[in-house]
Amino acid sequence: MKRRILVAEDNLFLGEIIQKELEALKYDVTIASNGLEAVKMATSDLPDFIIMDLTMPGLDGFEAAAAVRGNPKTQAIPLLAVTALLEPEIRRKSLASGFDGCIVKPFTAWELDVAIKKILTARAK
């Protein structure tokens, strides 16, 4: 059974690239174009994993993660932050906000797959 991944990315082109890379890795992928849409889709679809950009208009990744973690229906869904921001403080802030991990753009499909598997393995223990 394919794992269902929700990708929250406001850059349509980048979202499509991530979707194609994940589908090539045999994941079932849906895309949310902003944080609010991601929270709504997480609540209604209950994906197995969420990959979320941190800088989105309206509800940013930090706020969306807090909403996911604050909802009993979605609080256990693993969250991976993706960001183009290189400051070490961003990684610390993402983990403190409820993300299970953080990777910096640009990343390869292999790096993304490793990050997903690392989080899923850690959560299985």
PDB file of N, CA and C in Angstrom:
ATOM      1  N   MET A   1       0.838  -1.181   0.000  1.00  0.00           N
ATOM      2  CA  MET A   1       0.000   0.000   0.000  1.00  0.00           C
ATOM      3  C   MET A   1       0.888   1.251   0.000  1.00  0.00           C
ATOM      4  N   LYS A   2       0.619   2.167  -0.892  1.00  0.00           N
ATOM      5  CA  LYS A   2       1.386   3.399  -0.989  1.00  0.00           C
ATOM      6  C   LYS A   2       1.094   4.306   0.193  1.00  0.00           C
ATOM      7  N   ARG A   3       2.153   4.949   0.682  1.00  0.00           N
ATOM      8  CA  ARG A   3       1.949   5.980   1.700  1.00  0.00           C
ATOM      9  C   ARG A   3       1.403   7.226   1.029  1.00  0.00           C
ATOM     10  N   ARG A   4       0.449   7.888   1.694  1.00  0.00           N
ATOM     11  CA  ARG A   4      -0.166   9.110   1.167  1.00  0.00           C
ATOM     12  C   ARG A   4       0.521  10.316   1.786  1.00  0.00           C
ATOM     13  N   ILE A   5       1.083  11.147   0.922  1.00  0.00           N
ATOM     14  CA  ILE A   5       1.805  12.326   1.380  1.00  0.00           C
ATOM     15  C   ILE A   5       1.106  13.584   0.891  1.00  0.00           C
ATOM     16  N   LEU A   6       0.924  14.513   1.814  1.00  0.00           N
ATOM     17  CA  LEU A   6       0.397  15.835   1.490  1.00  0.00           C
ATOM     18  C   LEU A   6       1.582  16.792   1.436  1.00  0.00           C
ATOM     19  N   VAL A   7       1.720  17.502   0.322  1.00  0.00           N
ATOM     20  CA  VAL A   7       2.778  18.491   0.161  1.00  0.00           C
ATOM     21  C   VAL A   7       2.138  19.876   0.171  1.00  0.00           C
ATOM     22  N   ALA A   8       2.581  20.717   1.100  1.00  0.00           N
ATOM     23  CA  ALA A   8       2.111  22.109   1.166  1.00  0.00           C
ATOM     24  C   ALA A   8       3.223  22.993   0.631  1.00  0.00           C
ATOM     25  N   GLU A   9       2.988  23.547  -0.557  1.00  0.00           N
ATOM     26  CA  GLU A   9       4.003  24.362  -1.236  1.00  0.00           C
ATOM     27  C   GLU A   9       3.297  25.423  -2.061  1.00  0.00           C
ATOM     28  N   ASP A  10       3.597  26.696  -1.792  1.00  0.00           N
ATOM     29  CA  ASP A  10       2.928  27.778  -2.519  1.00  0.00           C
ATOM     30  C   ASP A  10       3.532  28.040  -3.893  1.00  0.00           C
ATOM     31  N   ASN A  11       4.717  27.538  -4.169  1.00  0.00           N
ATOM     32  CA  ASN A  11       5.322  27.664  -5.490  1.00  0.00           C
ATOM     33  C   ASN A  11       4.832  26.492  -6.337  1.00  0.00           C
ATOM     34  N   LEU A  12       3.911  26.772  -7.253  1.00  0.00           N
ATOM     35  CA  LEU A  12       3.274  25.721  -8.053  1.00  0.00           C
ATOM     36  C   LEU A  12       4.292  24.854  -8.782  1.00  0.00           C
ATOM     37  N   PHE A  13       5.293  25.476  -9.390  1.00  0.00           N
ATOM     38  CA  PHE A  13       6.309  24.731 -10.130  1.00  0.00           C
ATOM     39  C   PHE A  13       7.074  23.782  -9.208  1.00  0.00           C
ATOM     40  N   LEU A  14       7.510  24.276  -8.061  1.00  0.00           N
ATOM     41  CA  LEU A  14       8.243  23.441  -7.113  1.00  0.00           C
ATOM     42  C   LEU A  14       7.345  22.332  -6.558  1.00  0.00           C
ATOM     43  N   GLY A  15       6.095  22.652  -6.289  1.00  0.00           N
ATOM     44  CA  GLY A  15       5.156  21.637  -5.814  1.00  0.00           C
ATOM     45  C   GLY A  15       5.005  20.501  -6.811  1.00  0.00           C
ATOM     46  N   GLU A  16       4.940  20.837  -8.099  1.00  0.00           N
ATOM     47  CA  GLU A  16       4.821  19.800  -9.133  1.00  0.00           C
ATOM     48  C   GLU A  16       6.088  18.951  -9.228  1.00  0.00           C
ATOM     49  N   ILE A  17       7.249  19.581  -9.066  1.00  0.00           N
ATOM     50  CA  ILE A  17       8.508  18.825  -9.088  1.00  0.00           C
ATOM     51  C   ILE A  17       8.554  17.847  -7.913  1.00  0.00           C
ATOM     52  N   ILE A  18       8.229  18.338  -6.731  1.00  0.00           N
ATOM     53  CA  ILE A  18       8.217  17.464  -5.550  1.00  0.00           C
ATOM     54  C   ILE A  18       7.229  16.330  -5.743  1.00  0.00           C
ATOM     55  N   GLN A  19       6.050  16.632  -6.291  1.00  0.00           N
ATOM     56  CA  GLN A  19       5.047  15.603  -6.531  1.00  0.00           C
ATOM     57  C   GLN A  19       5.578  14.527  -7.472  1.00  0.00           C
ATOM     58  N   LYS A  20       6.185  14.932  -8.574  1.00  0.00           N
ATOM     59  CA  LYS A  20       6.720  13.961  -9.537  1.00  0.00           C
ATOM     60  C   LYS A  20       7.833  13.112  -8.918  1.00  0.00           C
ATOM     61  N   GLU A  21       8.704  13.752  -8.133  1.00  0.00           N
ATOM     62  CA  GLU A  21       9.783  13.005  -7.482  1.00  0.00           C
ATOM     63  C   GLU A  21       9.224  11.980  -6.500  1.00  0.00           C
ATOM     64  N   LEU A  22       8.242  12.381  -5.718  1.00  0.00           N
ATOM     65  CA  LEU A  22       7.651  11.459  -4.740  1.00  0.00           C
ATOM     66  C   LEU A  22       6.866  10.345  -5.420  1.00  0.00           C
ATOM     67  N   GLU A  23       6.165  10.677  -6.476  1.00  0.00           N
ATOM     68  CA  GLU A  23       5.422   9.634  -7.204  1.00  0.00           C
ATOM     69  C   GLU A  23       6.380   8.630  -7.832  1.00  0.00           C
ATOM     70  N   ALA A  24       7.546   9.076  -8.287  1.00  0.00           N
ATOM     71  CA  ALA A  24       8.560   8.163  -8.823  1.00  0.00           C
ATOM     72  C   ALA A  24       9.090   7.236  -7.729  1.00  0.00           C
ATOM     73  N   LEU A  25       9.017   7.699  -6.477  1.00  0.00           N
ATOM     74  CA  LEU A  25       9.433   6.893  -5.333  1.00  0.00           C
ATOM     75  C   LEU A  25       8.276   6.056  -4.783  1.00  0.00           C
ATOM     76  N   LYS A  26       7.170   6.034  -5.514  1.00  0.00           N
ATOM     77  CA  LYS A  26       5.991   5.203  -5.198  1.00  0.00           C
ATOM     78  C   LYS A  26       5.143   5.717  -4.044  1.00  0.00           C
ATOM     79  N   TYR A  27       5.152   7.031  -3.843  1.00  0.00           N
ATOM     80  CA  TYR A  27       4.244   7.633  -2.878  1.00  0.00           C
ATOM     81  C   TYR A  27       3.017   8.162  -3.614  1.00  0.00           C
ATOM     82  N   ASP A  28       1.882   8.215  -2.936  1.00  0.00           N
ATOM     83  CA  ASP A  28       0.664   8.829  -3.455  1.00  0.00           C
ATOM     84  C   ASP A  28       0.648  10.257  -2.923  1.00  0.00           C
ATOM     85  N   VAL A  29       0.612  11.257  -3.814  1.00  0.00           N
ATOM     86  CA  VAL A  29       0.841  12.644  -3.415  1.00  0.00           C
ATOM     87  C   VAL A  29      -0.337  13.543  -3.763  1.00  0.00           C
ATOM     88  N   THR A  30      -0.683  14.416  -2.825  1.00  0.00           N
ATOM     89  CA  THR A  30      -1.614  15.509  -3.090  1.00  0.00           C
ATOM     90  C   THR A  30      -0.909  16.812  -2.718  1.00  0.00           C
ATOM     91  N   ILE A  31      -1.343  17.899  -3.353  1.00  0.00           N
ATOM     92  CA  ILE A  31      -0.697  19.198  -3.164  1.00  0.00           C
ATOM     93  C   ILE A  31      -1.680  20.202  -2.574  1.00  0.00           C
ATOM     94  N   ALA A  32      -1.216  20.934  -1.578  1.00  0.00           N
ATOM     95  CA  ALA A  32      -1.938  22.084  -1.041  1.00  0.00           C
ATOM     96  C   ALA A  32      -1.116  23.315  -1.395  1.00  0.00           C
ATOM     97  N   SER A  33      -1.770  24.380  -1.820  1.00  0.00           N
ATOM     98  CA  SER A  33      -1.035  25.557  -2.290  1.00  0.00           C
ATOM     99  C   SER A  33      -0.747  26.590  -1.197  1.00  0.00           C
ATOM    100  N   ASN A  34      -1.218  26.327   0.015  1.00  0.00           N
ATOM    101  CA  ASN A  34      -0.927  27.231   1.133  1.00  0.00           C
ATOM    102  C   ASN A  34      -1.190  26.507   2.452  1.00  0.00           C
ATOM    103  N   GLY A  35      -0.838  27.164   3.546  1.00  0.00           N
ATOM    104  CA  GLY A  35      -0.971  26.532   4.855  1.00  0.00           C
ATOM    105  C   GLY A  35      -2.403  26.241   5.268  1.00  0.00           C
ATOM    106  N   LEU A  36      -3.313  27.155   4.986  1.00  0.00           N
ATOM    107  CA  LEU A  36      -4.708  26.946   5.347  1.00  0.00           C
ATOM    108  C   LEU A  36      -5.292  25.749   4.597  1.00  0.00           C
ATOM    109  N   GLU A  37      -5.013  25.682   3.316  1.00  0.00           N
ATOM    110  CA  GLU A  37      -5.483  24.548   2.520  1.00  0.00           C
ATOM    111  C   GLU A  37      -4.868  23.241   3.035  1.00  0.00           C
ATOM    112  N   ALA A  38      -3.603  23.283   3.437  1.00  0.00           N
ATOM    113  CA  ALA A  38      -2.936  22.085   3.964  1.00  0.00           C
ATOM    114  C   ALA A  38      -3.611  21.586   5.237  1.00  0.00           C
ATOM    115  N   VAL A  39      -3.959  22.509   6.126  1.00  0.00           N
ATOM    116  CA  VAL A  39      -4.620  22.119   7.377  1.00  0.00           C
ATOM    117  C   VAL A  39      -5.984  21.487   7.072  1.00  0.00           C
ATOM    118  N   LYS A  40      -6.729  22.099   6.156  1.00  0.00           N
ATOM    119  CA  LYS A  40      -8.041  21.558   5.788  1.00  0.00           C
ATOM    120  C   LYS A  40      -7.907  20.177   5.158  1.00  0.00           C
ATOM    121  N   MET A  41      -6.933  20.020   4.246  1.00  0.00           N
ATOM    122  CA  MET A  41      -6.742  18.730   3.579  1.00  0.00           C
ATOM    123  C   MET A  41      -6.235  17.669   4.555  1.00  0.00           C
ATOM    124  N   ALA A  42      -5.387  18.065   5.489  1.00  0.00           N
ATOM    125  CA  ALA A  42      -4.902  17.114   6.491  1.00  0.00           C
ATOM    126  C   ALA A  42      -6.051  16.588   7.334  1.00  0.00           C
ATOM    127  N   THR A  43      -6.955  17.483   7.696  1.00  0.00           N
ATOM    128  CA  THR A  43      -8.097  17.106   8.530  1.00  0.00           C
ATOM    129  C   THR A  43      -9.079  16.217   7.777  1.00  0.00           C
ATOM    130  N   SER A  44      -9.315  16.514   6.505  1.00  0.00           N
ATOM    131  CA  SER A  44     -10.292  15.733   5.748  1.00  0.00           C
ATOM    132  C   SER A  44      -9.704  14.449   5.151  1.00  0.00           C
ATOM    133  N   ASP A  45      -8.439  14.490   4.719  1.00  0.00           N
ATOM    134  CA  ASP A  45      -7.851  13.333   4.029  1.00  0.00           C
ATOM    135  C   ASP A  45      -7.015  12.433   4.927  1.00  0.00           C
ATOM    136  N   LEU A  46      -6.549  12.954   6.054  1.00  0.00           N
ATOM    137  CA  LEU A  46      -5.691  12.221   6.986  1.00  0.00           C
ATOM    138  C   LEU A  46      -4.538  11.505   6.268  1.00  0.00           C
ATOM    139  N   PRO A  47      -3.619  12.278   5.683  1.00  0.00           N
ATOM    140  CA  PRO A  47      -2.483  11.658   4.995  1.00  0.00           C
ATOM    141  C   PRO A  47      -1.565  10.947   5.983  1.00  0.00           C
ATOM    142  N   ASP A  48      -0.673  10.122   5.455  1.00  0.00           N
ATOM    143  CA  ASP A  48       0.293   9.404   6.294  1.00  0.00           C
ATOM    144  C   ASP A  48       1.481  10.279   6.659  1.00  0.00           C
ATOM    145  N   PHE A  49       1.681  11.376   5.913  1.00  0.00           N
ATOM    146  CA  PHE A  49       2.865  12.211   6.083  1.00  0.00           C
ATOM    147  C   PHE A  49       2.570  13.571   5.463  1.00  0.00           C
ATOM    148  N   ILE A  50       3.137  14.633   6.040  1.00  0.00           N
ATOM    149  CA  ILE A  50       2.975  15.981   5.478  1.00  0.00           C
ATOM    150  C   ILE A  50       4.352  16.618   5.297  1.00  0.00           C
ATOM    151  N   ILE A  51       4.575  17.140   4.101  1.00  0.00           N
ATOM    152  CA  ILE A  51       5.774  17.921   3.803  1.00  0.00           C
ATOM    153  C   ILE A  51       5.299  19.357   3.628  1.00  0.00           C
ATOM    154  N   MET A  52       5.885  20.279   4.400  1.00  0.00           N
ATOM    155  CA  MET A  52       5.344  21.631   4.405  1.00  0.00           C
ATOM    156  C   MET A  52       6.429  22.694   4.277  1.00  0.00           C
ATOM    157  N   ASP A  53       6.225  23.583   3.300  1.00  0.00           N
ATOM    158  CA  ASP A  53       7.075  24.762   3.165  1.00  0.00           C
ATOM    159  C   ASP A  53       6.838  25.661   4.383  1.00  0.00           C
ATOM    160  N   LEU A  54       7.878  26.317   4.835  1.00  0.00           N
ATOM    161  CA  LEU A  54       7.725  27.187   6.007  1.00  0.00           C
ATOM    162  C   LEU A  54       7.239  28.582   5.658  1.00  0.00           C
ATOM    163  N   THR A  55       7.589  29.068   4.482  1.00  0.00           N
ATOM    164  CA  THR A  55       7.220  30.437   4.116  1.00  0.00           C
ATOM    165  C   THR A  55       6.152  30.425   3.033  1.00  0.00           C
ATOM    166  N   MET A  56       4.916  30.533   3.478  1.00  0.00           N
ATOM    167  CA  MET A  56       3.767  30.591   2.579  1.00  0.00           C
ATOM    168  C   MET A  56       2.923  31.786   2.997  1.00  0.00           C
ATOM    169  N   PRO A  57       2.211  32.383   2.049  1.00  0.00           N
ATOM    170  CA  PRO A  57       1.352  33.526   2.407  1.00  0.00           C
ATOM    171  C   PRO A  57       0.175  33.072   3.268  1.00  0.00           C
ATOM    172  N   GLY A  58      -0.338  34.000   4.032  1.00  0.00           N
ATOM    173  CA  GLY A  58      -1.479  33.672   4.895  1.00  0.00           C
ATOM    174  C   GLY A  58      -0.993  32.868   6.083  1.00  0.00           C
ATOM    175  N   LEU A  59      -1.358  31.629   6.130  1.00  0.00           N
ATOM    176  CA  LEU A  59      -0.956  30.716   7.204  1.00  0.00           C
ATOM    177  C   LEU A  59       0.387  30.104   6.819  1.00  0.00           C
ATOM    178  N   ASP A  60       1.474  30.490   7.519  1.00  0.00           N
ATOM    179  CA  ASP A  60       2.785  29.947   7.162  1.00  0.00           C
ATOM    180  C   ASP A  60       2.943  28.526   7.709  1.00  0.00           C
ATOM    181  N   GLY A  61       4.066  27.916   7.401  1.00  0.00           N
ATOM    182  CA  GLY A  61       4.296  26.538   7.820  1.00  0.00           C
ATOM    183  C   GLY A  61       4.294  26.337   9.327  1.00  0.00           C
ATOM    184  N   PHE A  62       4.835  27.305  10.050  1.00  0.00           N
ATOM    185  CA  PHE A  62       4.850  27.200  11.514  1.00  0.00           C
ATOM    186  C   PHE A  62       3.432  27.205  12.068  1.00  0.00           C
ATOM    187  N   GLU A  63       2.607  28.119  11.565  1.00  0.00           N
ATOM    188  CA  GLU A  63       1.211  28.207  12.023  1.00  0.00           C
ATOM    189  C   GLU A  63       0.415  26.978  11.606  1.00  0.00           C
ATOM    190  N   ALA A  64       0.647  26.504  10.389  1.00  0.00           N
ATOM    191  CA  ALA A  64      -0.056  25.316   9.904  1.00  0.00           C
ATOM    192  C   ALA A  64       0.345  24.089  10.721  1.00  0.00           C
ATOM    193  N   ALA A  65       1.619  23.977  11.047  1.00  0.00           N
ATOM    194  CA  ALA A  65       2.074  22.855  11.879  1.00  0.00           C
ATOM    195  C   ALA A  65       1.408  22.891  13.252  1.00  0.00           C
ATOM    196  N   ALA A  66       1.303  24.083  13.818  1.00  0.00           N
ATOM    197  CA  ALA A  66       0.639  24.216  15.119  1.00  0.00           C
ATOM    198  C   ALA A  66      -0.823  23.783  15.033  1.00  0.00           C
ATOM    199  N   ALA A  67      -1.480  24.124  13.933  1.00  0.00           N
ATOM    200  CA  ALA A  67      -2.879  23.719  13.750  1.00  0.00           C
ATOM    201  C   ALA A  67      -2.993  22.208  13.595  1.00  0.00           C
ATOM    202  N   VAL A  68      -2.076  21.609  12.857  1.00  0.00           N
ATOM    203  CA  VAL A  68      -2.086  20.141  12.687  1.00  0.00           C
ATOM    204  C   VAL A  68      -1.831  19.464  14.026  1.00  0.00           C
ATOM    205  N   ARG A  69      -0.839  19.953  14.768  1.00  0.00           N
ATOM    206  CA  ARG A  69      -0.516  19.359  16.070  1.00  0.00           C
ATOM    207  C   ARG A  69      -1.615  19.604  17.105  1.00  0.00           C
ATOM    208  N   GLY A  70      -2.376  20.667  16.946  1.00  0.00           N
ATOM    209  CA  GLY A  70      -3.428  21.001  17.899  1.00  0.00           C
ATOM    210  C   GLY A  70      -4.743  20.281  17.670  1.00  0.00           C
ATOM    211  N   ASN A  71      -4.857  19.539  16.586  1.00  0.00           N
ATOM    212  CA  ASN A  71      -6.093  18.825  16.263  1.00  0.00           C
ATOM    213  C   ASN A  71      -5.910  17.344  16.585  1.00  0.00           C
ATOM    214  N   PRO A  72      -6.750  16.769  17.457  1.00  0.00           N
ATOM    215  CA  PRO A  72      -6.614  15.349  17.807  1.00  0.00           C
ATOM    216  C   PRO A  72      -6.645  14.412  16.591  1.00  0.00           C
ATOM    217  N   LYS A  73      -7.357  14.805  15.534  1.00  0.00           N
ATOM    218  CA  LYS A  73      -7.426  13.958  14.329  1.00  0.00           C
ATOM    219  C   LYS A  73      -6.104  13.915  13.568  1.00  0.00           C
ATOM    220  N   THR A  74      -5.321  14.992  13.649  1.00  0.00           N
ATOM    221  CA  THR A  74      -4.119  15.100  12.824  1.00  0.00           C
ATOM    222  C   THR A  74      -2.823  15.184  13.620  1.00  0.00           C
ATOM    223  N   GLN A  75      -2.899  15.248  14.925  1.00  0.00           N
ATOM    224  CA  GLN A  75      -1.710  15.515  15.729  1.00  0.00           C
ATOM    225  C   GLN A  75      -0.596  14.487  15.587  1.00  0.00           C
ATOM    226  N   ALA A  76      -0.918  13.269  15.206  1.00  0.00           N
ATOM    227  CA  ALA A  76       0.104  12.219  15.095  1.00  0.00           C
ATOM    228  C   ALA A  76       0.720  12.106  13.699  1.00  0.00           C
ATOM    229  N   ILE A  77       0.254  12.905  12.745  1.00  0.00           N
ATOM    230  CA  ILE A  77       0.799  12.831  11.387  1.00  0.00           C
ATOM    231  C   ILE A  77       2.217  13.389  11.383  1.00  0.00           C
ATOM    232  N   PRO A  78       3.192  12.639  10.865  1.00  0.00           N
ATOM    233  CA  PRO A  78       4.562  13.150  10.792  1.00  0.00           C
ATOM    234  C   PRO A  78       4.643  14.371   9.880  1.00  0.00           C
ATOM    235  N   LEU A  79       5.460  15.346  10.300  1.00  0.00           N
ATOM    236  CA  LEU A  79       5.622  16.596   9.565  1.00  0.00           C
ATOM    237  C   LEU A  79       7.095  16.841   9.231  1.00  0.00           C
ATOM    238  N   LEU A  80       7.356  17.133   7.963  1.00  0.00           N
ATOM    239  CA  LEU A  80       8.694  17.502   7.512  1.00  0.00           C
ATOM    240  C   LEU A  80       8.650  18.926   6.979  1.00  0.00           C
ATOM    241  N   ALA A  81       9.466  19.808   7.545  1.00  0.00           N
ATOM    242  CA  ALA A  81       9.560  21.187   7.069  1.00  0.00           C
ATOM    243  C   ALA A  81      10.558  21.252   5.923  1.00  0.00           C
ATOM    244  N   VAL A  82      10.212  22.036   4.892  1.00  0.00           N
ATOM    245  CA  VAL A  82      11.154  22.334   3.816  1.00  0.00           C
ATOM    246  C   VAL A  82      11.250  23.846   3.708  1.00  0.00           C
ATOM    247  N   THR A  83      12.479  24.322   3.535  1.00  0.00           N
ATOM    248  CA  THR A  83      12.686  25.769   3.525  1.00  0.00           C
ATOM    249  C   THR A  83      13.903  26.143   2.702  1.00  0.00           C
ATOM    250  N   ALA A  84      13.874  27.332   2.176  1.00  0.00           N
ATOM    251  CA  ALA A  84      15.040  27.883   1.481  1.00  0.00           C
ATOM    252  C   ALA A  84      15.867  28.741   2.438  1.00  0.00           C
ATOM    253  N   LEU A  85      15.383  28.916   3.642  1.00  0.00           N
ATOM    254  CA  LEU A  85      16.071  29.734   4.643  1.00  0.00           C
ATOM    255  C   LEU A  85      17.195  28.919   5.280  1.00  0.00           C
ATOM    256  N   LEU A  86      18.401  29.446   5.259  1.00  0.00           N
ATOM    257  CA  LEU A  86      19.569  28.688   5.693  1.00  0.00           C
ATOM    258  C   LEU A  86      19.963  28.912   7.149  1.00  0.00           C
ATOM    259  N   GLU A  87      19.325  29.831   7.844  1.00  0.00           N
ATOM    260  CA  GLU A  87      19.717  30.138   9.211  1.00  0.00           C
ATOM    261  C   GLU A  87      19.497  28.925  10.125  1.00  0.00           C
ATOM    262  N   PRO A  88      20.490  28.606  10.975  1.00  0.00           N
ATOM    263  CA  PRO A  88      20.328  27.481  11.909  1.00  0.00           C
ATOM    264  C   PRO A  88      19.117  27.647  12.820  1.00  0.00           C
ATOM    265  N   GLU A  89      18.764  28.890  13.137  1.00  0.00           N
ATOM    266  CA  GLU A  89      17.621  29.145  14.009  1.00  0.00           C
ATOM    267  C   GLU A  89      16.317  28.635  13.396  1.00  0.00           C
ATOM    268  N   ILE A  90      16.214  28.643  12.074  1.00  0.00           N
ATOM    269  CA  ILE A  90      14.998  28.161  11.407  1.00  0.00           C
ATOM    270  C   ILE A  90      14.784  26.682  11.693  1.00  0.00           C
ATOM    271  N   ARG A  91      15.851  25.894  11.641  1.00  0.00           N
ATOM    272  CA  ARG A  91      15.741  24.461  11.950  1.00  0.00           C
ATOM    273  C   ARG A  91      15.278  24.256  13.389  1.00  0.00           C
ATOM    274  N   ARG A  92      15.887  24.971  14.311  1.00  0.00           N
ATOM    275  CA  ARG A  92      15.480  24.857  15.722  1.00  0.00           C
ATOM    276  C   ARG A  92      14.019  25.267  15.907  1.00  0.00           C
ATOM    277  N   LYS A  93      13.633  26.364  15.268  1.00  0.00           N
ATOM    278  CA  LYS A  93      12.257  26.849  15.386  1.00  0.00           C
ATOM    279  C   LYS A  93      11.275  25.841  14.783  1.00  0.00           C
ATOM    280  N   SER A  94      11.637  25.222  13.663  1.00  0.00           N
ATOM    281  CA  SER A  94      10.729  24.249  13.051  1.00  0.00           C
ATOM    282  C   SER A  94      10.535  23.040  13.964  1.00  0.00           C
ATOM    283  N   LEU A  95      11.602  22.546  14.556  1.00  0.00           N
ATOM    284  CA  LEU A  95      11.476  21.398  15.461  1.00  0.00           C
ATOM    285  C   LEU A  95      10.686  21.777  16.708  1.00  0.00           C
ATOM    286  N   ALA A  96      10.893  22.980  17.206  1.00  0.00           N
ATOM    287  CA  ALA A  96      10.138  23.451  18.370  1.00  0.00           C
ATOM    288  C   ALA A  96       8.662  23.661  18.041  1.00  0.00           C
ATOM    289  N   SER A  97       8.358  23.893  16.768  1.00  0.00           N
ATOM    290  CA  SER A  97       6.974  24.133  16.338  1.00  0.00           C
ATOM    291  C   SER A  97       6.201  22.845  16.076  1.00  0.00           C
ATOM    292  N   GLY A  98       6.849  21.710  16.220  1.00  0.00           N
ATOM    293  CA  GLY A  98       6.142  20.447  16.041  1.00  0.00           C
ATOM    294  C   GLY A  98       6.550  19.639  14.828  1.00  0.00           C
ATOM    295  N   PHE A  99       7.470  20.157  14.018  1.00  0.00           N
ATOM    296  CA  PHE A  99       7.956  19.374  12.884  1.00  0.00           C
ATOM    297  C   PHE A  99       8.871  18.263  13.389  1.00  0.00           C
ATOM    298  N   ASP A 100       8.878  17.149  12.674  1.00  0.00           N
ATOM    299  CA  ASP A 100       9.741  16.023  13.026  1.00  0.00           C
ATOM    300  C   ASP A 100      11.122  16.147  12.396  1.00  0.00           C
ATOM    301  N   GLY A 101      11.242  17.006  11.397  1.00  0.00           N
ATOM    302  CA  GLY A 101      12.509  17.199  10.710  1.00  0.00           C
ATOM    303  C   GLY A 101      12.428  18.407   9.803  1.00  0.00           C
ATOM    304  N   CYS A 102      13.587  18.788   9.269  1.00  0.00           N
ATOM    305  CA  CYS A 102      13.650  19.965   8.406  1.00  0.00           C
ATOM    306  C   CYS A 102      14.757  19.753   7.374  1.00  0.00           C
ATOM    307  N   ILE A 103      14.461  20.026   6.093  1.00  0.00           N
ATOM    308  CA  ILE A 103      15.497  19.988   5.072  1.00  0.00           C
ATOM    309  C   ILE A 103      15.466  21.303   4.296  1.00  0.00           C
ATOM    310  N   VAL A 104      16.613  21.649   3.742  1.00  0.00           N
ATOM    311  CA  VAL A 104      16.777  22.927   3.066  1.00  0.00           C
ATOM    312  C   VAL A 104      16.709  22.735   1.555  1.00  0.00           C
ATOM    313  N   LYS A 105      15.950  23.635   0.907  1.00  0.00           N
ATOM    314  CA  LYS A 105      15.865  23.662  -0.550  1.00  0.00           C
ATOM    315  C   LYS A 105      17.142  24.288  -1.100  1.00  0.00           C
ATOM    316  N   PRO A 106      17.622  23.882  -2.228  1.00  0.00           N
ATOM    317  CA  PRO A 106      17.122  22.771  -3.033  1.00  0.00           C
ATOM    318  C   PRO A 106      17.610  21.444  -2.468  1.00  0.00           C
ATOM    319  N   PHE A 107      16.819  20.416  -2.656  1.00  0.00           N
ATOM    320  CA  PHE A 107      17.177  19.074  -2.209  1.00  0.00           C
ATOM    321  C   PHE A 107      16.906  18.110  -3.349  1.00  0.00           C
ATOM    322  N   THR A 108      17.536  16.954  -3.277  1.00  0.00           N
ATOM    323  CA  THR A 108      17.329  15.930  -4.302  1.00  0.00           C
ATOM    324  C   THR A 108      16.189  15.014  -3.877  1.00  0.00           C
ATOM    325  N   ALA A 109      15.694  14.241  -4.805  1.00  0.00           N
ATOM    326  CA  ALA A 109      14.654  13.257  -4.494  1.00  0.00           C
ATOM    327  C   ALA A 109      15.185  12.268  -3.454  1.00  0.00           C
ATOM    328  N   TRP A 110      16.449  11.900  -3.591  1.00  0.00           N
ATOM    329  CA  TRP A 110      17.061  10.965  -2.643  1.00  0.00           C
ATOM    330  C   TRP A 110      17.080  11.571  -1.239  1.00  0.00           C
ATOM    331  N   GLU A 111      17.483  12.835  -1.110  1.00  0.00           N
ATOM    332  CA  GLU A 111      17.515  13.492   0.200  1.00  0.00           C
ATOM    333  C   GLU A 111      16.126  13.570   0.817  1.00  0.00           C
ATOM    334  N   LEU A 112      15.133  13.842  -0.013  1.00  0.00           N
ATOM    335  CA  LEU A 112      13.756  13.910   0.469  1.00  0.00           C
ATOM    336  C   LEU A 112      13.292  12.540   0.952  1.00  0.00           C
ATOM    337  N   ASP A 113      13.580  11.507   0.188  1.00  0.00           N
ATOM    338  CA  ASP A 113      13.197  10.140   0.564  1.00  0.00           C
ATOM    339  C   ASP A 113      13.882   9.720   1.863  1.00  0.00           C
ATOM    340  N   VAL A 114      15.159  10.043   2.003  1.00  0.00           N
ATOM    341  CA  VAL A 114      15.893   9.713   3.229  1.00  0.00           C
ATOM    342  C   VAL A 114      15.273  10.419   4.429  1.00  0.00           C
ATOM    343  N   ALA A 115      14.931  11.691   4.272  1.00  0.00           N
ATOM    344  CA  ALA A 115      14.318  12.451   5.371  1.00  0.00           C
ATOM    345  C   ALA A 115      12.983  11.844   5.782  1.00  0.00           C
ATOM    346  N   ILE A 116      12.167  11.466   4.799  1.00  0.00           N
ATOM    347  CA  ILE A 116      10.868  10.847   5.087  1.00  0.00           C
ATOM    348  C   ILE A 116      11.066   9.533   5.834  1.00  0.00           C
ATOM    349  N   LYS A 117      11.936   8.686   5.306  1.00  0.00           N
ATOM    350  CA  LYS A 117      12.163   7.364   5.924  1.00  0.00           C
ATOM    351  C   LYS A 117      12.763   7.486   7.325  1.00  0.00           C
ATOM    352  N   LYS A 118      13.638   8.467   7.522  1.00  0.00           N
ATOM    353  CA  LYS A 118      14.236   8.678   8.843  1.00  0.00           C
ATOM    354  C   LYS A 118      13.155   9.034   9.867  1.00  0.00           C
ATOM    355  N   ILE A 119      12.245   9.905   9.489  1.00  0.00           N
ATOM    356  CA  ILE A 119      11.164  10.300  10.388  1.00  0.00           C
ATOM    357  C   ILE A 119      10.235   9.119  10.673  1.00  0.00           C
ATOM    358  N   LEU A 120       9.863   8.395   9.621  1.00  0.00           N
ATOM    359  CA  LEU A 120       8.953   7.259   9.804  1.00  0.00           C
ATOM    360  C   LEU A 120       9.600   6.167  10.669  1.00  0.00           C
ATOM    361  N   THR A 121      10.895   5.935  10.484  1.00  0.00           N
ATOM    362  CA  THR A 121      11.605   4.936  11.294  1.00  0.00           C
ATOM    363  C   THR A 121      11.653   5.373  12.753  1.00  0.00           C
ATOM    364  N   ALA A 122      11.968   6.639  12.987  1.00  0.00           N
ATOM    365  CA  ALA A 122      12.042   7.149  14.365  1.00  0.00           C
ATOM    366  C   ALA A 122      10.688   7.063  15.045  1.00  0.00           C
ATOM    367  N   ARG A 123       9.624   7.336  14.318  1.00  0.00           N
ATOM    368  CA  ARG A 123       8.277   7.295  14.901  1.00  0.00           C
ATOM    369  C   ARG A 123       7.812   5.868  15.156  1.00  0.00           C
ATOM    370  N   ALA A 124       8.350   4.904  14.411  1.00  0.00           N
ATOM    371  CA  ALA A 124       7.943   3.505  14.571  1.00  0.00           C
ATOM    372  C   ALA A 124       8.543   2.883  15.838  1.00  0.00           C
ATOM    373  N   LYS A 125       9.584   3.523  16.360  1.00  0.00           N
ATOM    374  CA  LYS A 125      10.260   2.978  17.555  1.00  0.00           C
ATOM    375  C   LYS A 125       9.519   3.320  18.810  1.00  0.00           C
TER     376      LYS A 125
END
